[in-house]
Amino acid sequence: MIDYFQLLLLGAFAGLTIFLGLPLAVFQSVSSRVKGFLNALAIGILIFLTVDVLGHAWESAVDAASSAFVGKSPVGAAVLDLLAMFGGMAIGLLGLTWYETRYMKESAIQSPISQANATESGTGFRKQELQLLQQMNSYRLSMMIAIGIGAHNFSEGLAIGQSYASGAIGLATILIIGFAAHNATEGFGIAGPLTGLSKRPSLRFLAVTGLIGGGPTFLGTMLGSLWSSTLVCIFFLAIAGGALIYVSMLMYNSGRRQTTNAVLMVGFLVGLFAGFITDLIVTLGGA
């Protein structure tokens, strides 16, 4: 049996395995086709995670509604669970939309100006400017992916902590193992947009994105262990699902500019396989 301190350490470990996938970002001699495939593979993993977290949230909300329908539980509790489900999705999806519009639109606003200046200054300078803009957009996309994954990992941490709080120590242990395996692949999602850039991303930037993406697992584990609430769990799972939908759309738009649709579909499929196989291994392990 694990004690509380060990739980927190394992919660941190489950999130920080995301750093295993980040070294992919340092590879520079990567073709657009390979980069597009890696981007699509990461999207496939995110699609699996989206289905997984929203499936768990919706299952809990439907159980509450079914129980209320037959008179076994209060109707008000079921309504709150459904509001948490839909409200959480709205916050996750529209919240990131607002965040990008409010805090990350500067490079998009400057792009036409920079391209016009580059054209006036000569072909060589224009090429340099376009490379800089591409690099800025890649960094922006990588950070948005880290934020979306972080929201998802916070909900995973809550699941670990609440399993521990409810006395399901075995389930908490299995969740830690499963989430650690998933997070190892999620690092590819953050690193994907950064591969093949003319200048390698700094270790500081990779460390920041890794902490944003993986650190919330520890925070969720700590907070979730303090009490057990189905409503809170549904709410944060729904936020994570909405955030992952938004991030997946960003990555798809980026992938369409890098390679063909056929390569993207193969990447999606491989990413989905990776997600389902990892989940299967965890389930066969005793979940």
C-alpha atoms as a PDB file:
ATOM      1  CA  MET A   1       0.000   0.000   0.000  1.00  0.00           C
ATOM      2  CA  ILE A   2       1.309   3.448  -0.906  1.00  0.00           C
ATOM      3  CA  ASP A   3       1.258   6.324   1.559  1.00  0.00           C
ATOM      4  CA  TYR A   4       0.298   9.910   0.764  1.00  0.00           C
ATOM      5  CA  PHE A   5       3.845  11.125   0.101  1.00  0.00           C
ATOM      6  CA  GLN A   6       4.447   8.235  -2.297  1.00  0.00           C
ATOM      7  CA  LEU A   7       1.164   9.063  -4.036  1.00  0.00           C
ATOM      8  CA  LEU A   8       2.343  12.619  -4.708  1.00  0.00           C
ATOM      9  CA  LEU A   9       5.709  11.414  -5.992  1.00  0.00           C
ATOM     10  CA  LEU A  10       4.047   8.908  -8.308  1.00  0.00           C
ATOM     11  CA  GLY A  11       1.594  11.583  -9.485  1.00  0.00           C
ATOM     12  CA  ALA A  12       4.531  13.807 -10.414  1.00  0.00           C
ATOM     13  CA  PHE A  13       6.222  10.876 -12.183  1.00  0.00           C
ATOM     14  CA  ALA A  14       3.054  10.142 -14.180  1.00  0.00           C
ATOM     15  CA  GLY A  15       3.080  13.692 -15.536  1.00  0.00           C
ATOM     16  CA  LEU A  16       6.780  14.228 -16.077  1.00  0.00           C
ATOM     17  CA  THR A  17       7.184  11.218 -18.369  1.00  0.00           C
ATOM     18  CA  ILE A  18       6.044  13.737 -20.980  1.00  0.00           C
ATOM     19  CA  PHE A  19       9.712  14.807 -21.127  1.00  0.00           C
ATOM     20  CA  LEU A  20      10.562  11.472 -22.785  1.00  0.00           C
ATOM     21  CA  GLY A  21       8.989  12.641 -26.024  1.00  0.00           C
ATOM     22  CA  LEU A  22      10.317  16.214 -26.038  1.00  0.00           C
ATOM     23  CA  PRO A  23      13.830  15.412 -27.417  1.00  0.00           C
ATOM     24  CA  LEU A  24      12.162  14.878 -30.812  1.00  0.00           C
ATOM     25  CA  ALA A  25      12.137  18.679 -31.120  1.00  0.00           C
ATOM     26  CA  VAL A  26      15.935  18.895 -31.546  1.00  0.00           C
ATOM     27  CA  PHE A  27      15.932  17.014 -34.863  1.00  0.00           C
ATOM     28  CA  GLN A  28      16.498  19.539 -37.642  1.00  0.00           C
ATOM     29  CA  SER A  29      17.040  17.483 -40.796  1.00  0.00           C
ATOM     30  CA  VAL A  30      13.381  16.455 -41.008  1.00  0.00           C
ATOM     31  CA  SER A  31      11.456  16.620 -44.297  1.00  0.00           C
ATOM     32  CA  SER A  32       8.011  18.197 -44.499  1.00  0.00           C
ATOM     33  CA  ARG A  33       6.547  14.766 -45.191  1.00  0.00           C
ATOM     34  CA  VAL A  34       8.089  13.210 -42.059  1.00  0.00           C
ATOM     35  CA  LYS A  35       7.200  16.237 -39.978  1.00  0.00           C
ATOM     36  CA  GLY A  36       3.615  16.047 -41.214  1.00  0.00           C
ATOM     37  CA  PHE A  37       3.465  12.354 -40.333  1.00  0.00           C
ATOM     38  CA  LEU A  38       4.775  12.984 -36.803  1.00  0.00           C
ATOM     39  CA  ASN A  39       2.273  15.799 -36.434  1.00  0.00           C
ATOM     40  CA  ALA A  40      -0.538  13.486 -37.530  1.00  0.00           C
ATOM     41  CA  LEU A  41       0.664  10.725 -35.178  1.00  0.00           C
ATOM     42  CA  ALA A  42       0.422  13.183 -32.302  1.00  0.00           C
ATOM     43  CA  ILE A  43      -3.083  14.165 -33.434  1.00  0.00           C
ATOM     44  CA  GLY A  44      -4.095  10.497 -33.419  1.00  0.00           C
ATOM     45  CA  ILE A  45      -2.944  10.225 -29.809  1.00  0.00           C
ATOM     46  CA  LEU A  46      -4.856  13.392 -28.912  1.00  0.00           C
ATOM     47  CA  ILE A  47      -8.006  12.066 -30.634  1.00  0.00           C
ATOM     48  CA  PHE A  48      -7.794   8.926 -28.516  1.00  0.00           C
ATOM     49  CA  LEU A  49      -7.339  11.006 -25.363  1.00  0.00           C
ATOM     50  CA  THR A  50     -10.307  13.200 -26.327  1.00  0.00           C
ATOM     51  CA  VAL A  51     -12.587  10.203 -26.778  1.00  0.00           C
ATOM     52  CA  ASP A  52     -11.262   8.674 -23.566  1.00  0.00           C
ATOM     53  CA  VAL A  53     -11.752  11.671 -21.272  1.00  0.00           C
ATOM     54  CA  LEU A  54     -15.098  12.760 -22.731  1.00  0.00           C
ATOM     55  CA  GLY A  55     -16.287   9.142 -22.632  1.00  0.00           C
ATOM     56  CA  HIS A  56     -15.515   8.888 -18.917  1.00  0.00           C
ATOM     57  CA  ALA A  57     -17.158  12.243 -18.188  1.00  0.00           C
ATOM     58  CA  TRP A  58     -20.276  11.452 -20.215  1.00  0.00           C
ATOM     59  CA  GLU A  59     -20.611   7.996 -18.682  1.00  0.00           C
ATOM     60  CA  SER A  60     -20.679   9.523 -15.189  1.00  0.00           C
ATOM     61  CA  ALA A  61     -23.178  12.210 -16.248  1.00  0.00           C
ATOM     62  CA  VAL A  62     -25.474   9.651 -17.902  1.00  0.00           C
ATOM     63  CA  ASP A  63     -25.333   7.399 -14.825  1.00  0.00           C
ATOM     64  CA  ALA A  64     -26.441  10.337 -12.679  1.00  0.00           C
ATOM     65  CA  ALA A  65     -29.258  11.216 -15.101  1.00  0.00           C
ATOM     66  CA  SER A  66     -30.429   7.584 -15.289  1.00  0.00           C
ATOM     67  CA  SER A  67     -30.430   7.305 -11.514  1.00  0.00           C
ATOM     68  CA  ALA A  68     -32.464  10.496 -11.185  1.00  0.00           C
ATOM     69  CA  PHE A  69     -34.901   9.364 -13.894  1.00  0.00           C
ATOM     70  CA  VAL A  70     -35.865   6.252 -11.908  1.00  0.00           C
ATOM     71  CA  GLY A  71     -36.036   8.193  -8.655  1.00  0.00           C
ATOM     72  CA  LYS A  72     -32.901   6.813  -7.005  1.00  0.00           C
ATOM     73  CA  SER A  73     -31.122  10.179  -6.722  1.00  0.00           C
ATOM     74  CA  PRO A  74     -32.030  13.897  -6.760  1.00  0.00           C
ATOM     75  CA  VAL A  75     -32.802  15.474 -10.109  1.00  0.00           C
ATOM     76  CA  GLY A  76     -30.785  18.531  -9.136  1.00  0.00           C
ATOM     77  CA  ALA A  77     -27.589  16.475  -8.835  1.00  0.00           C
ATOM     78  CA  ALA A  78     -28.089  15.048 -12.325  1.00  0.00           C
ATOM     79  CA  VAL A  79     -28.710  18.522 -13.759  1.00  0.00           C
ATOM     80  CA  LEU A  80     -25.508  19.807 -12.134  1.00  0.00           C
ATOM     81  CA  ASP A  81     -23.517  16.908 -13.595  1.00  0.00           C
ATOM     82  CA  LEU A  82     -24.866  17.652 -17.094  1.00  0.00           C
ATOM     83  CA  LEU A  83     -24.123  21.362 -16.672  1.00  0.00           C
ATOM     84  CA  ALA A  84     -20.595  20.461 -15.559  1.00  0.00           C
ATOM     85  CA  MET A  85     -20.203  18.312 -18.674  1.00  0.00           C
ATOM     86  CA  PHE A  86     -21.372  20.908 -21.194  1.00  0.00           C
ATOM     87  CA  GLY A  87     -19.970  23.891 -19.324  1.00  0.00           C
ATOM     88  CA  GLY A  88     -16.577  22.232 -19.003  1.00  0.00           C
ATOM     89  CA  MET A  89     -16.433  21.493 -22.732  1.00  0.00           C
ATOM     90  CA  ALA A  90     -17.349  25.101 -23.507  1.00  0.00           C
ATOM     91  CA  ILE A  91     -14.639  26.419 -21.178  1.00  0.00           C
ATOM     92  CA  GLY A  92     -11.999  24.094 -22.610  1.00  0.00           C
ATOM     93  CA  LEU A  93     -12.841  24.833 -26.241  1.00  0.00           C
ATOM     94  CA  LEU A  94     -13.779  28.514 -26.127  1.00  0.00           C
ATOM     95  CA  GLY A  95     -11.340  29.343 -23.335  1.00  0.00           C
ATOM     96  CA  LEU A  96      -8.341  28.394 -25.460  1.00  0.00           C
ATOM     97  CA  THR A  97      -9.884  30.241 -28.401  1.00  0.00           C
ATOM     98  CA  TRP A  98     -10.077  33.379 -26.285  1.00  0.00           C
ATOM     99  CA  TYR A  99      -6.559  32.830 -24.923  1.00  0.00           C
ATOM    100  CA  GLU A 100      -5.065  32.557 -28.396  1.00  0.00           C
ATOM    101  CA  THR A 101      -7.020  35.564 -29.679  1.00  0.00           C
ATOM    102  CA  ARG A 102      -6.137  37.684 -26.662  1.00  0.00           C
ATOM    103  CA  TYR A 103      -2.513  36.775 -26.002  1.00  0.00           C
ATOM    104  CA  MET A 104      -1.143  35.074 -29.115  1.00  0.00           C
ATOM    105  CA  LYS A 105      -2.534  37.109 -32.004  1.00  0.00           C
ATOM    106  CA  GLU A 106       0.390  39.513 -32.274  1.00  0.00           C
ATOM    107  CA  SER A 107       2.425  37.329 -34.618  1.00  0.00           C
ATOM    108  CA  ALA A 108      -0.618  36.726 -36.814  1.00  0.00           C
ATOM    109  CA  ILE A 109      -1.277  40.490 -36.997  1.00  0.00           C
ATOM    110  CA  GLN A 110       2.337  41.225 -37.872  1.00  0.00           C
ATOM    111  CA  SER A 111       2.626  38.512 -40.523  1.00  0.00           C
ATOM    112  CA  PRO A 112       1.212  40.502 -43.502  1.00  0.00           C
ATOM    113  CA  ILE A 113       3.323  43.520 -42.550  1.00  0.00           C
ATOM    114  CA  SER A 114       6.488  41.460 -42.227  1.00  0.00           C
ATOM    115  CA  GLN A 115       5.880  39.731 -45.548  1.00  0.00           C
ATOM    116  CA  ALA A 116       5.294  43.071 -47.278  1.00  0.00           C
ATOM    117  CA  ASN A 117       8.492  44.522 -45.853  1.00  0.00           C
ATOM    118  CA  ALA A 118      10.381  41.399 -46.850  1.00  0.00           C
ATOM    119  CA  THR A 119       9.149  41.681 -50.430  1.00  0.00           C
ATOM    120  CA  GLU A 120      10.319  45.269 -50.663  1.00  0.00           C
ATOM    121  CA  SER A 121      13.737  44.431 -49.237  1.00  0.00           C
ATOM    122  CA  GLY A 122      14.634  41.630 -51.631  1.00  0.00           C
ATOM    123  CA  THR A 123      14.168  37.905 -52.038  1.00  0.00           C
ATOM    124  CA  GLY A 124      16.875  36.859 -49.587  1.00  0.00           C
ATOM    125  CA  PHE A 125      15.527  38.968 -46.774  1.00  0.00           C
ATOM    126  CA  ARG A 126      11.979  37.853 -47.556  1.00  0.00           C
ATOM    127  CA  LYS A 127      13.013  34.214 -47.198  1.00  0.00           C
ATOM    128  CA  GLN A 128      14.648  34.977 -43.864  1.00  0.00           C
ATOM    129  CA  GLU A 129      11.546  36.782 -42.638  1.00  0.00           C
ATOM    130  CA  LEU A 130       9.238  33.945 -43.689  1.00  0.00           C
ATOM    131  CA  GLN A 131      11.451  31.436 -41.878  1.00  0.00           C
ATOM    132  CA  LEU A 132      11.243  33.579 -38.736  1.00  0.00           C
ATOM    133  CA  LEU A 133       7.454  33.749 -39.000  1.00  0.00           C
ATOM    134  CA  GLN A 134       7.265  29.989 -39.472  1.00  0.00           C
ATOM    135  CA  GLN A 135       9.396  29.508 -36.385  1.00  0.00           C
ATOM    136  CA  MET A 136       7.201  31.856 -34.338  1.00  0.00           C
ATOM    137  CA  ASN A 137       4.054  30.020 -35.416  1.00  0.00           C
ATOM    138  CA  SER A 138       5.660  26.669 -34.575  1.00  0.00           C
ATOM    139  CA  TYR A 139       6.517  27.872 -31.070  1.00  0.00           C
ATOM    140  CA  ARG A 140       3.011  29.263 -30.634  1.00  0.00           C
ATOM    141  CA  LEU A 141       1.416  25.981 -31.717  1.00  0.00           C
ATOM    142  CA  SER A 142       3.711  23.973 -29.452  1.00  0.00           C
ATOM    143  CA  MET A 143       2.743  26.127 -26.463  1.00  0.00           C
ATOM    144  CA  MET A 144      -0.979  25.795 -27.231  1.00  0.00           C
ATOM    145  CA  ILE A 145      -0.583  22.021 -27.428  1.00  0.00           C
ATOM    146  CA  ALA A 146       1.192  22.018 -24.058  1.00  0.00           C
ATOM    147  CA  ILE A 147      -1.666  24.045 -22.515  1.00  0.00           C
ATOM    148  CA  GLY A 148      -4.297  21.686 -23.922  1.00  0.00           C
ATOM    149  CA  ILE A 149      -2.424  18.596 -22.752  1.00  0.00           C
ATOM    150  CA  GLY A 150      -1.898  20.248 -19.374  1.00  0.00           C
ATOM    151  CA  ALA A 151      -5.663  20.671 -18.950  1.00  0.00           C
ATOM    152  CA  HIS A 152      -6.101  17.005 -19.823  1.00  0.00           C
ATOM    153  CA  ASN A 153      -3.359  15.918 -17.422  1.00  0.00           C
ATOM    154  CA  PHE A 154      -4.878  17.941 -14.595  1.00  0.00           C
ATOM    155  CA  SER A 155      -8.055  15.884 -14.976  1.00  0.00           C
ATOM    156  CA  GLU A 156      -5.952  12.702 -14.998  1.00  0.00           C
ATOM    157  CA  GLY A 157      -4.283  13.802 -11.758  1.00  0.00           C
ATOM    158  CA  LEU A 158      -7.715  14.407 -10.230  1.00  0.00           C
ATOM    159  CA  ALA A 159      -8.708  10.863 -11.175  1.00  0.00           C
ATOM    160  CA  ILE A 160      -5.580   9.507  -9.445  1.00  0.00           C
ATOM    161  CA  GLY A 161      -6.120  11.601  -6.326  1.00  0.00           C
ATOM    162  CA  GLN A 162      -9.826  10.879  -6.044  1.00  0.00           C
ATOM    163  CA  SER A 163      -9.251   7.152  -6.468  1.00  0.00           C
ATOM    164  CA  TYR A 164      -6.827   7.344  -3.547  1.00  0.00           C
ATOM    165  CA  ALA A 165      -9.258   9.444  -1.468  1.00  0.00           C
ATOM    166  CA  SER A 166     -12.061   6.921  -2.033  1.00  0.00           C
ATOM    167  CA  GLY A 167      -9.831   4.059  -0.848  1.00  0.00           C
ATOM    168  CA  ALA A 168      -9.304   2.508  -4.288  1.00  0.00           C
ATOM    169  CA  ILE A 169      -5.522   2.269  -3.919  1.00  0.00           C
ATOM    170  CA  GLY A 170      -5.168  -0.432  -6.574  1.00  0.00           C
ATOM    171  CA  LEU A 171      -7.054   1.673  -9.122  1.00  0.00           C
ATOM    172  CA  ALA A 172      -4.929   4.720  -8.280  1.00  0.00           C
ATOM    173  CA  THR A 173      -1.776   2.680  -8.897  1.00  0.00           C
ATOM    174  CA  ILE A 174      -3.027   1.403 -12.240  1.00  0.00           C
ATOM    175  CA  LEU A 175      -4.035   4.924 -13.267  1.00  0.00           C
ATOM    176  CA  ILE A 176      -0.527   6.179 -12.459  1.00  0.00           C
ATOM    177  CA  ILE A 177       1.032   3.484 -14.654  1.00  0.00           C
ATOM    178  CA  GLY A 178      -1.383   4.116 -17.510  1.00  0.00           C
ATOM    179  CA  PHE A 179      -1.115   7.886 -17.428  1.00  0.00           C
ATOM    180  CA  ALA A 180       2.686   7.700 -17.241  1.00  0.00           C
ATOM    181  CA  ALA A 181       2.681   5.595 -20.421  1.00  0.00           C
ATOM    182  CA  HIS A 182       0.273   7.986 -22.172  1.00  0.00           C
ATOM    183  CA  ASN A 183       2.258  11.064 -21.182  1.00  0.00           C
ATOM    184  CA  ALA A 184       5.412   9.577 -22.682  1.00  0.00           C
ATOM    185  CA  THR A 185       3.660   9.698 -26.068  1.00  0.00           C
ATOM    186  CA  GLU A 186       2.083  13.124 -25.445  1.00  0.00           C
ATOM    187  CA  GLY A 187       5.552  14.660 -25.465  1.00  0.00           C
ATOM    188  CA  PHE A 188       5.646  13.943 -29.205  1.00  0.00           C
ATOM    189  CA  GLY A 189       2.622  16.200 -29.614  1.00  0.00           C
ATOM    190  CA  ILE A 190       4.431  19.157 -28.070  1.00  0.00           C
ATOM    191  CA  ALA A 191       7.682  18.474 -29.926  1.00  0.00           C
ATOM    192  CA  GLY A 192       6.083  17.783 -33.318  1.00  0.00           C
ATOM    193  CA  PRO A 193       5.686  21.416 -34.496  1.00  0.00           C
ATOM    194  CA  LEU A 194       9.285  22.188 -33.459  1.00  0.00           C
ATOM    195  CA  THR A 195      11.012  19.536 -35.577  1.00  0.00           C
ATOM    196  CA  GLY A 196      12.860  20.650 -38.701  1.00  0.00           C
ATOM    197  CA  LEU A 197      13.203  24.324 -37.685  1.00  0.00           C
ATOM    198  CA  SER A 198      16.295  26.218 -38.823  1.00  0.00           C
ATOM    199  CA  LYS A 199      17.168  26.870 -35.180  1.00  0.00           C
ATOM    200  CA  ARG A 200      16.773  24.280 -32.450  1.00  0.00           C
ATOM    201  CA  PRO A 201      14.404  25.202 -29.601  1.00  0.00           C
ATOM    202  CA  SER A 202      16.126  26.113 -26.368  1.00  0.00           C
ATOM    203  CA  LEU A 203      16.203  23.686 -23.468  1.00  0.00           C
ATOM    204  CA  ARG A 204      14.458  26.363 -21.411  1.00  0.00           C
ATOM    205  CA  PHE A 205      11.483  26.475 -23.784  1.00  0.00           C
ATOM    206  CA  LEU A 206      11.229  22.677 -23.846  1.00  0.00           C
ATOM    207  CA  ALA A 207      11.402  22.587 -20.045  1.00  0.00           C
ATOM    208  CA  VAL A 208       8.622  25.187 -19.757  1.00  0.00           C
ATOM    209  CA  THR A 209       6.324  23.360 -22.188  1.00  0.00           C
ATOM    210  CA  GLY A 210       7.065  20.060 -20.452  1.00  0.00           C
ATOM    211  CA  LEU A 211       6.116  21.515 -17.075  1.00  0.00           C
ATOM    212  CA  ILE A 212       2.975  23.120 -18.503  1.00  0.00           C
ATOM    213  CA  GLY A 213       1.947  19.841 -20.111  1.00  0.00           C
ATOM    214  CA  GLY A 214       3.025  17.375 -17.410  1.00  0.00           C
ATOM    215  CA  GLY A 215       3.068  19.382 -14.182  1.00  0.00           C
ATOM    216  CA  PRO A 216      -0.747  19.599 -13.816  1.00  0.00           C
ATOM    217  CA  THR A 217      -0.831  15.823 -13.230  1.00  0.00           C
ATOM    218  CA  PHE A 218       0.900  16.411  -9.898  1.00  0.00           C
ATOM    219  CA  LEU A 219      -1.380  19.354  -9.040  1.00  0.00           C
ATOM    220  CA  GLY A 220      -4.479  17.322  -9.899  1.00  0.00           C
ATOM    221  CA  THR A 221      -3.251  14.384  -7.827  1.00  0.00           C
ATOM    222  CA  MET A 222      -2.686  16.626  -4.817  1.00  0.00           C
ATOM    223  CA  LEU A 223      -6.054  18.406  -5.065  1.00  0.00           C
ATOM    224  CA  GLY A 224      -8.005  15.284  -5.973  1.00  0.00           C
ATOM    225  CA  SER A 225      -6.672  13.418  -2.953  1.00  0.00           C
ATOM    226  CA  LEU A 226      -8.273  15.950  -0.600  1.00  0.00           C
ATOM    227  CA  TRP A 227     -11.847  14.974  -1.434  1.00  0.00           C
ATOM    228  CA  SER A 228     -13.900  12.808  -3.792  1.00  0.00           C
ATOM    229  CA  SER A 229     -16.464  14.517  -6.047  1.00  0.00           C
ATOM    230  CA  THR A 230     -18.068  13.126  -9.193  1.00  0.00           C
ATOM    231  CA  LEU A 231     -19.182  16.626 -10.171  1.00  0.00           C
ATOM    232  CA  VAL A 232     -15.636  18.025 -10.028  1.00  0.00           C
ATOM    233  CA  CYS A 233     -14.260  15.050 -11.935  1.00  0.00           C
ATOM    234  CA  ILE A 234     -16.838  15.456 -14.735  1.00  0.00           C
ATOM    235  CA  PHE A 235     -16.152  19.185 -14.934  1.00  0.00           C
ATOM    236  CA  PHE A 236     -12.394  18.890 -15.353  1.00  0.00           C
ATOM    237  CA  LEU A 237     -12.621  15.916 -17.711  1.00  0.00           C
ATOM    238  CA  ALA A 238     -14.945  17.976 -19.899  1.00  0.00           C
ATOM    239  CA  ILE A 239     -12.561  20.958 -19.820  1.00  0.00           C
ATOM    240  CA  ALA A 240      -9.758  18.641 -20.886  1.00  0.00           C
ATOM    241  CA  GLY A 241     -11.854  17.222 -23.725  1.00  0.00           C
ATOM    242  CA  GLY A 242     -12.733  20.660 -25.068  1.00  0.00           C
ATOM    243  CA  ALA A 243      -9.106  21.788 -24.879  1.00  0.00           C
ATOM    244  CA  LEU A 244      -7.913  18.682 -26.723  1.00  0.00           C
ATOM    245  CA  ILE A 245     -10.449  19.242 -29.520  1.00  0.00           C
ATOM    246  CA  TYR A 246      -9.140  22.776 -29.987  1.00  0.00           C
ATOM    247  CA  VAL A 247      -5.502  21.696 -30.001  1.00  0.00           C
ATOM    248  CA  SER A 248      -6.203  18.846 -32.435  1.00  0.00           C
ATOM    249  CA  MET A 249      -7.779  21.292 -34.886  1.00  0.00           C
ATOM    250  CA  LEU A 250      -4.743  23.586 -34.667  1.00  0.00           C
ATOM    251  CA  MET A 251      -2.413  20.679 -35.357  1.00  0.00           C
ATOM    252  CA  TYR A 252      -4.531  19.441 -38.268  1.00  0.00           C
ATOM    253  CA  ASN A 253      -4.408  22.863 -39.945  1.00  0.00           C
ATOM    254  CA  SER A 254      -0.638  22.836 -39.532  1.00  0.00           C
ATOM    255  CA  GLY A 255      -0.337  19.280 -40.869  1.00  0.00           C
ATOM    256  CA  ARG A 256      -2.335  20.058 -44.014  1.00  0.00           C
ATOM    257  CA  ARG A 257       0.336  22.582 -44.982  1.00  0.00           C
ATOM    258  CA  GLN A 258       3.160  20.086 -44.442  1.00  0.00           C
ATOM    259  CA  THR A 259       2.153  16.948 -46.287  1.00  0.00           C
ATOM    260  CA  THR A 260      -0.590  15.121 -48.175  1.00  0.00           C
ATOM    261  CA  ASN A 261      -3.903  14.029 -46.752  1.00  0.00           C
ATOM    262  CA  ALA A 262      -2.935  10.371 -47.248  1.00  0.00           C
ATOM    263  CA  VAL A 263       0.137  10.749 -45.011  1.00  0.00           C
ATOM    264  CA  LEU A 264      -1.986  12.520 -42.393  1.00  0.00           C
ATOM    265  CA  MET A 265      -4.522   9.700 -42.340  1.00  0.00           C
ATOM    266  CA  VAL A 266      -1.796   7.084 -41.857  1.00  0.00           C
ATOM    267  CA  GLY A 267      -0.353   9.160 -39.020  1.00  0.00           C
ATOM    268  CA  PHE A 268      -3.791   9.483 -37.398  1.00  0.00           C
ATOM    269  CA  LEU A 269      -4.232   5.730 -37.569  1.00  0.00           C
ATOM    270  CA  VAL A 270      -0.831   4.976 -36.029  1.00  0.00           C
ATOM    271  CA  GLY A 271      -1.497   7.483 -33.241  1.00  0.00           C
ATOM    272  CA  LEU A 272      -4.903   5.960 -32.513  1.00  0.00           C
ATOM    273  CA  PHE A 273      -3.359   2.486 -32.439  1.00  0.00           C
ATOM    274  CA  ALA A 274      -0.724   3.718 -29.983  1.00  0.00           C
ATOM    275  CA  GLY A 275      -3.402   5.135 -27.691  1.00  0.00           C
ATOM    276  CA  PHE A 276      -5.650   2.060 -27.762  1.00  0.00           C
ATOM    277  CA  ILE A 277      -2.788  -0.426 -27.385  1.00  0.00           C
ATOM    278  CA  THR A 278      -1.393   1.473 -24.397  1.00  0.00           C
ATOM    279  CA  ASP A 279      -4.854   1.494 -22.821  1.00  0.00           C
ATOM    280  CA  LEU A 280      -5.258  -2.233 -23.529  1.00  0.00           C
ATOM    281  CA  ILE A 281      -1.941  -3.060 -21.878  1.00  0.00           C
ATOM    282  CA  VAL A 282      -2.937  -1.098 -18.779  1.00  0.00           C
ATOM    283  CA  THR A 283      -6.356  -2.808 -18.687  1.00  0.00           C
ATOM    284  CA  LEU A 284      -4.845  -6.287 -19.037  1.00  0.00           C
ATOM    285  CA  GLY A 285      -2.485  -5.334 -16.211  1.00  0.00           C
ATOM    286  CA  GLY A 286      -5.385  -5.285 -13.817  1.00  0.00           C
ATOM    287  CA  ALA A 287      -7.350  -2.061 -14.231  1.00  0.00           C
END
